[in-house]
Amino acid sequence: MPLSAIDLAILGFLDHLIVDRGLALLTAESYGSDLKGFAAYLQHREVAEPTRISREDILVYLSTLDRRGLSARTRARQISCLKSFFRHLTETGQAPVNPTDLLDAPRPPGRLPKFLDTVEVESLLASVDCATPEGRRDRTMLELLYATGLRVSELVGMSLYAVDLEMGCVTVMGKGSKERVVPMGVPSAQAVIQYLEEVRPRLLGMGRSQALFVTRRGKAMTRQAFWKIVKKAARAALITKEISPHTLRHSFATHLVQNNADLRAVQLMLGHSDISTTEIYTHVAQQRLKQLHATCHPRG
C-alpha cells in the first residue's frame, strides 16, 4: 500500500528531528509513535493531505484521547508533538497555516525530583572503599557527578580531552549535540587529578583509551556499570530511599537553588534548553523550606 502524503510528511519530520535537530533515535521514535496514532485517526476521517488538516480535526483527536483515559502528562506530550510537527510543516511550506497555533497544552502535574540532602551525599561519597583502584575511580565518578550535575551518559562518555584542570571545568556534549562547559569545584578537581595520576594508569596497564573513566579491561565505563556503583554505595551508606545516578544530578541542582544560585546559571550548567525545566528545583527548595518551618518554628 503506497504511503499517503501525511505519512510522507511524518517521515520527513522524523528525519528533520534526527539530522537537523540532533535528537536521539529513541526520542524520534517516540515522536513517530505518537504521530502514527494521529495519522490513523486522520485516515479514519478520510483526511489524506497535510493541507486539509484543520484545528477541528486536532481538537476531536484530542477529545478521543481524553475518552481513552490517557493521563494529563501523556496528553501534554501528544500536544507538544503535534505542535512541533505542524511548526515543521509550515516552516517547510507543506502546510499554509499551523492549526495548533492557538492550542494550549495542559500543564501536567509536576513530579518533584528525588534528591539527597547534603548529609546523605557526604555519606554516599564516604561509603566507597578507596582501598582499590576501582574504588578510587568510583569515588571520583561520584564526586564529579555531584559536583557538575552531568547526565550519566555525559559522565561515562567523557573523554580525557573534556577535562580542563587548569580552568577547573569539564566540557560535555549534551542533548541535541549542544556543547556546554561546567565548573567542577575544588574537591572534585583534586579527585580527578589524583585519579589521572595514580589510578587510571593502573587500570589501563599497557592499554590505551580516550575515555576518562575506564575499567580493568581498558574499556570505557557503561551506564549500567555506573548504576550498579551508585546502588552499591547507597547500600553501604544505609540510604534507604530509591536512588539512581540521576538522583545526584537532581541533588546538584536542588542544593544550588537552595543556596540562592541564579536560575539561569543552573539552567546552563544542567544543559536545559528551556528555563521551565529548571524551575522545578525552585519548587523543591520551597517544599524544603516549608518542612523546616513546620519542624523548627514554634508555630509551624
C-alpha atoms as a PDB file:
ATOM      1  CA  MET A   1       0.000   0.000   0.000  1.00  0.00           C
ATOM      2  CA  PRO A   2       1.559   3.332  -1.029  1.00  0.00           C
ATOM      3  CA  LEU A   3       2.301   5.904   1.651  1.00  0.00           C
ATOM      4  CA  SER A   4      -0.083   8.827   1.956  1.00  0.00           C
ATOM      5  CA  ALA A   5       1.050  12.454   1.815  1.00  0.00           C
ATOM      6  CA  ILE A   6       0.622  12.624   5.603  1.00  0.00           C
ATOM      7  CA  ASP A   7       2.780   9.510   6.103  1.00  0.00           C
ATOM      8  CA  LEU A   8       5.497  11.063   3.931  1.00  0.00           C
ATOM      9  CA  ALA A   9       5.254  14.324   5.862  1.00  0.00           C
ATOM     10  CA  ILE A  10       5.727  12.427   9.141  1.00  0.00           C
ATOM     11  CA  LEU A  11       8.786  10.589   7.790  1.00  0.00           C
ATOM     12  CA  GLY A  12      10.262  13.908   6.657  1.00  0.00           C
ATOM     13  CA  PHE A  13       9.629  15.386  10.108  1.00  0.00           C
ATOM     14  CA  LEU A  14      11.343  12.460  11.846  1.00  0.00           C
ATOM     15  CA  ASP A  15      14.355  12.834   9.537  1.00  0.00           C
ATOM     16  CA  HIS A  16      14.434  16.534  10.465  1.00  0.00           C
ATOM     17  CA  LEU A  17      14.473  15.660  14.173  1.00  0.00           C
ATOM     18  CA  ILE A  18      17.426  13.301  13.789  1.00  0.00           C
ATOM     19  CA  VAL A  19      19.515  15.063  11.130  1.00  0.00           C
ATOM     20  CA  ASP A  20      18.841  18.752  11.730  1.00  0.00           C
ATOM     21  CA  ARG A  21      17.979  18.905  15.416  1.00  0.00           C
ATOM     22  CA  GLY A  22      20.258  16.083  16.542  1.00  0.00           C
ATOM     23  CA  LEU A  23      17.635  14.256  18.595  1.00  0.00           C
ATOM     24  CA  ALA A  24      18.380  10.735  19.751  1.00  0.00           C
ATOM     25  CA  LEU A  25      16.899   7.904  17.725  1.00  0.00           C
ATOM     26  CA  LEU A  26      14.733   6.742  20.656  1.00  0.00           C
ATOM     27  CA  THR A  27      13.303  10.249  21.064  1.00  0.00           C
ATOM     28  CA  ALA A  28      12.481  10.433  17.361  1.00  0.00           C
ATOM     29  CA  GLU A  29      10.839   7.004  17.585  1.00  0.00           C
ATOM     30  CA  SER A  30       8.664   8.290  20.437  1.00  0.00           C
ATOM     31  CA  TYR A  31       7.523  11.185  18.211  1.00  0.00           C
ATOM     32  CA  GLY A  32       6.878   8.684  15.427  1.00  0.00           C
ATOM     33  CA  SER A  33       4.730   6.502  17.671  1.00  0.00           C
ATOM     34  CA  ASP A  34       2.549   9.471  18.690  1.00  0.00           C
ATOM     35  CA  LEU A  35       2.176  10.657  15.095  1.00  0.00           C
ATOM     36  CA  LYS A  36       1.321   7.156  13.875  1.00  0.00           C
ATOM     37  CA  GLY A  37      -1.784   7.217  16.048  1.00  0.00           C
ATOM     38  CA  PHE A  38      -2.677  10.673  14.740  1.00  0.00           C
ATOM     39  CA  ALA A  39      -2.229   9.516  11.127  1.00  0.00           C
ATOM     40  CA  ALA A  40      -4.515   6.522  11.720  1.00  0.00           C
ATOM     41  CA  TYR A  41      -7.167   8.855  13.130  1.00  0.00           C
ATOM     42  CA  LEU A  42      -6.874  11.151  10.073  1.00  0.00           C
ATOM     43  CA  GLN A  43      -7.216   8.163   7.752  1.00  0.00           C
ATOM     44  CA  HIS A  44     -10.442   7.243   9.534  1.00  0.00           C
ATOM     45  CA  ARG A  45     -11.696  10.794   8.883  1.00  0.00           C
ATOM     46  CA  GLU A  46     -10.571  10.480   5.249  1.00  0.00           C
ATOM     47  CA  VAL A  47      -8.055  13.328   5.569  1.00  0.00           C
ATOM     48  CA  ALA A  48      -5.123  12.429   3.305  1.00  0.00           C
ATOM     49  CA  GLU A  49      -3.289  15.735   2.775  1.00  0.00           C
ATOM     50  CA  PRO A  50      -1.441  17.865   5.371  1.00  0.00           C
ATOM     51  CA  THR A  51      -3.072  20.967   3.854  1.00  0.00           C
ATOM     52  CA  ARG A  52      -6.522  19.597   4.727  1.00  0.00           C
ATOM     53  CA  ILE A  53      -5.848  19.084   8.456  1.00  0.00           C
ATOM     54  CA  SER A  54      -7.926  21.572  10.440  1.00  0.00           C
ATOM     55  CA  ARG A  55      -7.953  22.741  14.029  1.00  0.00           C
ATOM     56  CA  GLU A  56     -11.250  20.850  14.428  1.00  0.00           C
ATOM     57  CA  ASP A  57      -9.529  17.609  13.369  1.00  0.00           C
ATOM     58  CA  ILE A  58      -6.953  18.095  16.093  1.00  0.00           C
ATOM     59  CA  LEU A  59      -9.493  19.011  18.793  1.00  0.00           C
ATOM     60  CA  VAL A  60     -11.615  15.957  18.007  1.00  0.00           C
ATOM     61  CA  TYR A  61      -8.494  13.770  18.071  1.00  0.00           C
ATOM     62  CA  LEU A  62      -7.511  15.130  21.488  1.00  0.00           C
ATOM     63  CA  SER A  63     -11.024  14.515  22.789  1.00  0.00           C
ATOM     64  CA  THR A  64     -10.697  10.869  21.753  1.00  0.00           C
ATOM     65  CA  LEU A  65      -7.512  10.664  23.816  1.00  0.00           C
ATOM     66  CA  ASP A  66      -9.425  12.053  26.792  1.00  0.00           C
ATOM     67  CA  ARG A  67     -12.133   9.421  26.399  1.00  0.00           C
ATOM     68  CA  ARG A  68      -9.451   6.729  26.368  1.00  0.00           C
ATOM     69  CA  GLY A  69      -8.446   7.883  29.835  1.00  0.00           C
ATOM     70  CA  LEU A  70      -4.912   8.992  28.991  1.00  0.00           C
ATOM     71  CA  SER A  71      -3.126  10.953  31.707  1.00  0.00           C
ATOM     72  CA  ALA A  72      -2.640  14.726  31.529  1.00  0.00           C
ATOM     73  CA  ARG A  73       1.082  14.113  31.109  1.00  0.00           C
ATOM     74  CA  THR A  74       0.540  11.851  28.081  1.00  0.00           C
ATOM     75  CA  ARG A  75      -1.946  14.302  26.571  1.00  0.00           C
ATOM     76  CA  ALA A  76       0.514  17.170  27.059  1.00  0.00           C
ATOM     77  CA  ARG A  77       3.188  15.124  25.293  1.00  0.00           C
ATOM     78  CA  GLN A  78       0.836  14.453  22.374  1.00  0.00           C
ATOM     79  CA  ILE A  79       0.043  18.166  22.011  1.00  0.00           C
ATOM     80  CA  SER A  80       3.727  19.082  22.163  1.00  0.00           C
ATOM     81  CA  CYS A  81       4.433  16.518  19.443  1.00  0.00           C
ATOM     82  CA  LEU A  82       1.660  17.878  17.213  1.00  0.00           C
ATOM     83  CA  LYS A  83       2.846  21.455  17.706  1.00  0.00           C
ATOM     84  CA  SER A  84       6.376  20.514  16.660  1.00  0.00           C
ATOM     85  CA  PHE A  85       5.094  18.572  13.672  1.00  0.00           C
ATOM     86  CA  PHE A  86       2.899  21.382  12.330  1.00  0.00           C
ATOM     87  CA  ARG A  87       5.538  24.016  13.009  1.00  0.00           C
ATOM     88  CA  HIS A  88       7.849  21.985  10.768  1.00  0.00           C
ATOM     89  CA  LEU A  89       5.165  21.686   8.085  1.00  0.00           C
ATOM     90  CA  THR A  90       4.537  25.429   7.979  1.00  0.00           C
ATOM     91  CA  GLU A  91       8.251  26.291   8.050  1.00  0.00           C
ATOM     92  CA  THR A  92       8.890  23.979   5.097  1.00  0.00           C
ATOM     93  CA  GLY A  93       5.845  25.153   3.132  1.00  0.00           C
ATOM     94  CA  GLN A  94       3.966  21.847   3.393  1.00  0.00           C
ATOM     95  CA  ALA A  95       1.038  23.498   5.191  1.00  0.00           C
ATOM     96  CA  PRO A  96      -0.256  27.062   4.692  1.00  0.00           C
ATOM     97  CA  VAL A  97      -1.223  27.612   8.334  1.00  0.00           C
ATOM     98  CA  ASN A  98      -0.459  25.990  11.668  1.00  0.00           C
ATOM     99  CA  PRO A  99      -3.722  24.589  13.123  1.00  0.00           C
ATOM    100  CA  THR A 100      -2.066  24.170  16.551  1.00  0.00           C
ATOM    101  CA  ASP A 101      -1.113  27.856  16.970  1.00  0.00           C
ATOM    102  CA  LEU A 102      -3.903  28.617  19.439  1.00  0.00           C
ATOM    103  CA  LEU A 103      -3.747  25.229  21.119  1.00  0.00           C
ATOM    104  CA  ASP A 104      -2.690  25.293  24.772  1.00  0.00           C
ATOM    105  CA  ALA A 105      -1.021  22.234  26.203  1.00  0.00           C
ATOM    106  CA  PRO A 106      -2.337  21.224  29.633  1.00  0.00           C
ATOM    107  CA  ARG A 107       0.349  21.557  32.235  1.00  0.00           C
ATOM    108  CA  PRO A 108       0.999  18.050  33.564  1.00  0.00           C
ATOM    109  CA  PRO A 109       1.057  17.627  37.320  1.00  0.00           C
ATOM    110  CA  GLY A 110       4.570  18.343  38.483  1.00  0.00           C
ATOM    111  CA  ARG A 111       6.569  15.483  39.905  1.00  0.00           C
ATOM    112  CA  LEU A 112       9.200  16.806  42.254  1.00  0.00           C
ATOM    113  CA  PRO A 113      12.536  15.100  41.622  1.00  0.00           C
ATOM    114  CA  LYS A 114      14.025  12.928  44.330  1.00  0.00           C
ATOM    115  CA  PHE A 115      17.283  14.216  45.758  1.00  0.00           C
ATOM    116  CA  LEU A 116      19.713  13.606  48.606  1.00  0.00           C
ATOM    117  CA  ASP A 117      20.360  16.158  51.310  1.00  0.00           C
ATOM    118  CA  THR A 118      23.949  17.231  51.917  1.00  0.00           C
ATOM    119  CA  VAL A 119      24.450  14.771  54.788  1.00  0.00           C
ATOM    120  CA  GLU A 120      23.284  11.894  52.593  1.00  0.00           C
ATOM    121  CA  VAL A 121      25.599  12.979  49.785  1.00  0.00           C
ATOM    122  CA  GLU A 122      28.561  13.051  52.168  1.00  0.00           C
ATOM    123  CA  SER A 123      27.605   9.609  53.479  1.00  0.00           C
ATOM    124  CA  LEU A 124      27.322   8.270  49.933  1.00  0.00           C
ATOM    125  CA  LEU A 125      30.786   9.535  48.997  1.00  0.00           C
ATOM    126  CA  ALA A 126      32.352   8.327  52.233  1.00  0.00           C
ATOM    127  CA  SER A 127      30.863   4.845  51.835  1.00  0.00           C
ATOM    128  CA  VAL A 128      33.037   3.982  48.836  1.00  0.00           C
ATOM    129  CA  ASP A 129      36.002   1.742  49.684  1.00  0.00           C
ATOM    130  CA  CYS A 130      39.028   3.509  48.194  1.00  0.00           C
ATOM    131  CA  ALA A 131      41.476   0.702  49.008  1.00  0.00           C
ATOM    132  CA  THR A 132      41.391  -0.480  45.377  1.00  0.00           C
ATOM    133  CA  PRO A 133      41.878   1.374  42.077  1.00  0.00           C
ATOM    134  CA  GLU A 134      38.268   0.579  41.190  1.00  0.00           C
ATOM    135  CA  GLY A 135      37.076   2.079  44.468  1.00  0.00           C
ATOM    136  CA  ARG A 136      39.042   5.279  43.922  1.00  0.00           C
ATOM    137  CA  ARG A 137      37.686   5.511  40.391  1.00  0.00           C
ATOM    138  CA  ASP A 138      34.120   5.031  41.659  1.00  0.00           C
ATOM    139  CA  ARG A 139      34.585   7.722  44.321  1.00  0.00           C
ATOM    140  CA  THR A 140      35.938  10.125  41.692  1.00  0.00           C
ATOM    141  CA  MET A 141      32.984   9.474  39.399  1.00  0.00           C
ATOM    142  CA  LEU A 142      30.508  10.120  42.219  1.00  0.00           C
ATOM    143  CA  GLU A 143      32.369  13.287  43.210  1.00  0.00           C
ATOM    144  CA  LEU A 144      32.346  14.564  39.655  1.00  0.00           C
ATOM    145  CA  LEU A 145      28.692  13.695  39.054  1.00  0.00           C
ATOM    146  CA  TYR A 146      27.533  15.547  42.159  1.00  0.00           C
ATOM    147  CA  ALA A 147      29.880  18.492  41.527  1.00  0.00           C
ATOM    148  CA  THR A 148      28.712  19.059  37.945  1.00  0.00           C
ATOM    149  CA  GLY A 149      25.176  17.702  37.682  1.00  0.00           C
ATOM    150  CA  LEU A 150      26.037  15.829  34.490  1.00  0.00           C
ATOM    151  CA  ARG A 151      23.733  13.258  32.983  1.00  0.00           C
ATOM    152  CA  VAL A 152      25.090   9.743  33.474  1.00  0.00           C
ATOM    153  CA  SER A 153      25.561   9.349  29.707  1.00  0.00           C
ATOM    154  CA  GLU A 154      27.665  12.522  29.705  1.00  0.00           C
ATOM    155  CA  LEU A 155      29.773  11.246  32.595  1.00  0.00           C
ATOM    156  CA  VAL A 156      30.578   7.794  31.218  1.00  0.00           C
ATOM    157  CA  GLY A 157      31.033   9.172  27.702  1.00  0.00           C
ATOM    158  CA  MET A 158      33.519  11.837  28.757  1.00  0.00           C
ATOM    159  CA  SER A 159      36.938  11.795  27.097  1.00  0.00           C
ATOM    160  CA  LEU A 160      40.284  12.829  28.539  1.00  0.00           C
ATOM    161  CA  TYR A 161      40.177  15.973  26.431  1.00  0.00           C
ATOM    162  CA  ALA A 162      36.929  17.112  28.034  1.00  0.00           C
ATOM    163  CA  VAL A 163      38.677  17.936  31.314  1.00  0.00           C
ATOM    164  CA  ASP A 164      40.424  21.289  31.765  1.00  0.00           C
ATOM    165  CA  LEU A 165      42.265  21.002  35.061  1.00  0.00           C
ATOM    166  CA  GLU A 166      43.784  24.465  34.777  1.00  0.00           C
ATOM    167  CA  MET A 167      40.358  26.109  34.456  1.00  0.00           C
ATOM    168  CA  GLY A 168      38.675  23.571  36.742  1.00  0.00           C
ATOM    169  CA  CYS A 169      35.872  22.683  34.354  1.00  0.00           C
ATOM    170  CA  VAL A 170      34.613  19.982  32.010  1.00  0.00           C
ATOM    171  CA  THR A 171      33.182  20.298  28.507  1.00  0.00           C
ATOM    172  CA  VAL A 172      30.345  17.954  27.634  1.00  0.00           C
ATOM    173  CA  MET A 173      28.145  17.293  24.632  1.00  0.00           C
ATOM    174  CA  GLY A 174      24.555  17.233  25.833  1.00  0.00           C
ATOM    175  CA  LYS A 175      21.184  16.554  24.243  1.00  0.00           C
ATOM    176  CA  GLY A 176      20.746  17.830  20.737  1.00  0.00           C
ATOM    177  CA  SER A 177      24.538  17.847  20.285  1.00  0.00           C
ATOM    178  CA  LYS A 178      24.769  21.025  22.355  1.00  0.00           C
ATOM    179  CA  GLU A 179      28.128  21.645  23.985  1.00  0.00           C
ATOM    180  CA  ARG A 180      28.400  23.243  27.404  1.00  0.00           C
ATOM    181  CA  VAL A 181      31.143  23.972  29.943  1.00  0.00           C
ATOM    182  CA  VAL A 182      30.535  23.171  33.609  1.00  0.00           C
ATOM    183  CA  PRO A 183      32.787  24.077  36.572  1.00  0.00           C
ATOM    184  CA  MET A 184      33.650  21.110  38.769  1.00  0.00           C
ATOM    185  CA  GLY A 185      34.813  22.684  42.043  1.00  0.00           C
ATOM    186  CA  VAL A 186      37.993  22.141  44.040  1.00  0.00           C
ATOM    187  CA  PRO A 187      37.257  18.774  45.765  1.00  0.00           C
ATOM    188  CA  SER A 188      36.123  17.197  42.504  1.00  0.00           C
ATOM    189  CA  ALA A 189      39.062  18.633  40.545  1.00  0.00           C
ATOM    190  CA  GLN A 190      41.509  17.272  43.123  1.00  0.00           C
ATOM    191  CA  ALA A 191      39.856  13.865  42.951  1.00  0.00           C
ATOM    192  CA  VAL A 192      40.142  13.860  39.140  1.00  0.00           C
ATOM    193  CA  ILE A 193      43.825  14.860  39.304  1.00  0.00           C
ATOM    194  CA  GLN A 194      44.634  12.023  41.712  1.00  0.00           C
ATOM    195  CA  TYR A 195      42.632   9.601  39.582  1.00  0.00           C
ATOM    196  CA  LEU A 196      44.526  10.596  36.427  1.00  0.00           C
ATOM    197  CA  GLU A 197      47.937  10.448  38.086  1.00  0.00           C
ATOM    198  CA  GLU A 198      47.597   7.370  40.287  1.00  0.00           C
ATOM    199  CA  VAL A 199      44.550   5.295  39.369  1.00  0.00           C
ATOM    200  CA  ARG A 200      43.824   5.407  35.666  1.00  0.00           C
ATOM    201  CA  PRO A 201      47.338   4.181  34.640  1.00  0.00           C
ATOM    202  CA  ARG A 202      46.929   1.169  36.939  1.00  0.00           C
ATOM    203  CA  LEU A 203      43.536   0.320  35.490  1.00  0.00           C
ATOM    204  CA  LEU A 204      44.735   0.645  31.895  1.00  0.00           C
ATOM    205  CA  GLY A 205      48.049  -1.132  32.295  1.00  0.00           C
ATOM    206  CA  MET A 206      49.565  -1.283  28.818  1.00  0.00           C
ATOM    207  CA  GLY A 207      46.257  -0.478  27.175  1.00  0.00           C
ATOM    208  CA  ARG A 208      45.135   2.816  25.694  1.00  0.00           C
ATOM    209  CA  SER A 209      41.835   4.620  25.753  1.00  0.00           C
ATOM    210  CA  GLN A 210      40.498   8.119  25.185  1.00  0.00           C
ATOM    211  CA  ALA A 211      37.764   7.564  27.757  1.00  0.00           C
ATOM    212  CA  LEU A 212      38.254   9.370  31.048  1.00  0.00           C
ATOM    213  CA  PHE A 213      36.823   6.598  33.225  1.00  0.00           C
ATOM    214  CA  VAL A 214      37.926   3.080  32.339  1.00  0.00           C
ATOM    215  CA  THR A 215      37.663  -0.486  33.585  1.00  0.00           C
ATOM    216  CA  ARG A 216      40.408  -3.039  34.211  1.00  0.00           C
ATOM    217  CA  ARG A 217      39.928  -4.192  30.633  1.00  0.00           C
ATOM    218  CA  GLY A 218      40.713  -0.748  29.306  1.00  0.00           C
ATOM    219  CA  LYS A 219      37.129  -0.177  28.225  1.00  0.00           C
ATOM    220  CA  ALA A 220      35.025   2.896  28.918  1.00  0.00           C
ATOM    221  CA  MET A 221      32.594   2.639  31.818  1.00  0.00           C
ATOM    222  CA  THR A 222      28.985   1.958  30.869  1.00  0.00           C
ATOM    223  CA  ARG A 223      25.760   3.428  32.209  1.00  0.00           C
ATOM    224  CA  GLN A 224      24.748   0.033  33.576  1.00  0.00           C
ATOM    225  CA  ALA A 225      28.041  -0.441  35.413  1.00  0.00           C
ATOM    226  CA  PHE A 226      27.872   3.001  36.976  1.00  0.00           C
ATOM    227  CA  TRP A 227      24.253   2.435  38.009  1.00  0.00           C
ATOM    228  CA  LYS A 228      25.466  -0.583  39.994  1.00  0.00           C
ATOM    229  CA  ILE A 229      28.197   1.563  41.571  1.00  0.00           C
ATOM    230  CA  VAL A 230      25.610   4.071  42.794  1.00  0.00           C
ATOM    231  CA  LYS A 231      23.375   1.322  44.176  1.00  0.00           C
ATOM    232  CA  LYS A 232      26.289  -0.311  45.982  1.00  0.00           C
ATOM    233  CA  ALA A 233      27.374   2.995  47.522  1.00  0.00           C
ATOM    234  CA  ALA A 234      23.798   3.738  48.629  1.00  0.00           C
ATOM    235  CA  ARG A 235      23.537   0.381  50.384  1.00  0.00           C
ATOM    236  CA  ALA A 236      26.873   0.909  52.107  1.00  0.00           C
ATOM    237  CA  ALA A 237      25.760   4.384  53.224  1.00  0.00           C
ATOM    238  CA  LEU A 238      22.499   2.911  54.587  1.00  0.00           C
ATOM    239  CA  ILE A 239      20.436   5.193  52.363  1.00  0.00           C
ATOM    240  CA  THR A 240      17.013   3.606  52.162  1.00  0.00           C
ATOM    241  CA  LYS A 241      15.377   5.871  49.575  1.00  0.00           C
ATOM    242  CA  GLU A 242      15.433   4.680  45.968  1.00  0.00           C
ATOM    243  CA  ILE A 243      18.224   6.479  44.118  1.00  0.00           C
ATOM    244  CA  SER A 244      19.917   6.367  40.737  1.00  0.00           C
ATOM    245  CA  PRO A 245      22.733   8.317  39.057  1.00  0.00           C
ATOM    246  CA  HIS A 246      20.131  10.925  38.097  1.00  0.00           C
ATOM    247  CA  THR A 247      19.420  11.491  41.800  1.00  0.00           C
ATOM    248  CA  LEU A 248      22.846  13.100  42.116  1.00  0.00           C
ATOM    249  CA  ARG A 249      22.024  15.412  39.215  1.00  0.00           C
ATOM    250  CA  HIS A 250      18.818  16.416  40.997  1.00  0.00           C
ATOM    251  CA  SER A 251      20.767  16.881  44.230  1.00  0.00           C
ATOM    252  CA  PHE A 252      23.308  19.123  42.493  1.00  0.00           C
ATOM    253  CA  ALA A 253      20.591  21.397  41.107  1.00  0.00           C
ATOM    254  CA  THR A 254      18.480  21.433  44.269  1.00  0.00           C
ATOM    255  CA  HIS A 255      21.403  22.366  46.510  1.00  0.00           C
ATOM    256  CA  LEU A 256      22.404  25.192  44.176  1.00  0.00           C
ATOM    257  CA  VAL A 257      18.865  26.614  44.178  1.00  0.00           C
ATOM    258  CA  GLN A 258      18.567  26.202  47.952  1.00  0.00           C
ATOM    259  CA  ASN A 259      21.699  28.306  48.282  1.00  0.00           C
ATOM    260  CA  ASN A 260      20.287  31.078  46.069  1.00  0.00           C
ATOM    261  CA  ALA A 261      22.129  30.257  42.843  1.00  0.00           C
ATOM    262  CA  ASP A 262      20.948  32.173  39.787  1.00  0.00           C
ATOM    263  CA  LEU A 263      18.387  30.001  37.981  1.00  0.00           C
ATOM    264  CA  ARG A 264      19.763  30.884  34.541  1.00  0.00           C
ATOM    265  CA  ALA A 265      23.224  29.740  35.628  1.00  0.00           C
ATOM    266  CA  VAL A 266      21.775  26.454  36.899  1.00  0.00           C
ATOM    267  CA  GLN A 267      19.955  26.051  33.572  1.00  0.00           C
ATOM    268  CA  LEU A 268      23.235  26.479  31.670  1.00  0.00           C
ATOM    269  CA  MET A 269      25.094  24.008  33.869  1.00  0.00           C
ATOM    270  CA  LEU A 270      22.347  21.389  33.529  1.00  0.00           C
ATOM    271  CA  GLY A 271      22.055  21.923  29.787  1.00  0.00           C
ATOM    272  CA  HIS A 272      18.308  22.550  29.868  1.00  0.00           C
ATOM    273  CA  SER A 273      17.006  24.145  26.672  1.00  0.00           C
ATOM    274  CA  ASP A 274      14.018  25.640  28.500  1.00  0.00           C
ATOM    275  CA  ILE A 275      14.154  27.519  31.815  1.00  0.00           C
ATOM    276  CA  SER A 276      10.793  25.984  32.804  1.00  0.00           C
ATOM    277  CA  THR A 277      12.525  22.611  33.147  1.00  0.00           C
ATOM    278  CA  THR A 278      14.952  24.132  35.650  1.00  0.00           C
ATOM    279  CA  GLU A 279      12.224  25.926  37.599  1.00  0.00           C
ATOM    280  CA  ILE A 280      11.064  22.651  39.150  1.00  0.00           C
ATOM    281  CA  TYR A 281      14.024  22.918  41.518  1.00  0.00           C
ATOM    282  CA  THR A 282      12.594  26.123  42.974  1.00  0.00           C
ATOM    283  CA  HIS A 283       9.540  24.095  43.998  1.00  0.00           C
ATOM    284  CA  VAL A 284      11.811  21.527  45.632  1.00  0.00           C
ATOM    285  CA  ALA A 285      13.545  24.308  47.567  1.00  0.00           C
ATOM    286  CA  GLN A 286      10.204  25.827  48.631  1.00  0.00           C
ATOM    287  CA  GLN A 287       8.968  22.442  49.803  1.00  0.00           C
ATOM    288  CA  ARG A 288      12.125  22.011  51.875  1.00  0.00           C
ATOM    289  CA  LEU A 289      11.660  25.448  53.458  1.00  0.00           C
ATOM    290  CA  LYS A 290       8.083  24.557  54.406  1.00  0.00           C
ATOM    291  CA  GLN A 291       9.292  21.331  56.027  1.00  0.00           C
ATOM    292  CA  LEU A 292      11.951  23.196  58.002  1.00  0.00           C
ATOM    293  CA  HIS A 293       9.412  25.784  59.112  1.00  0.00           C
ATOM    294  CA  ALA A 294       6.923  23.127  60.184  1.00  0.00           C
ATOM    295  CA  THR A 295       9.619  21.255  62.118  1.00  0.00           C
ATOM    296  CA  CYS A 296      11.553  24.112  63.704  1.00  0.00           C
ATOM    297  CA  HIS A 297       9.193  27.067  64.136  1.00  0.00           C
ATOM    298  CA  PRO A 298       7.168  27.283  67.383  1.00  0.00           C
ATOM    299  CA  ARG A 299       4.041  27.959  65.350  1.00  0.00           C
ATOM    300  CA  GLY A 300       4.975  25.741  62.445  1.00  0.00           C
END
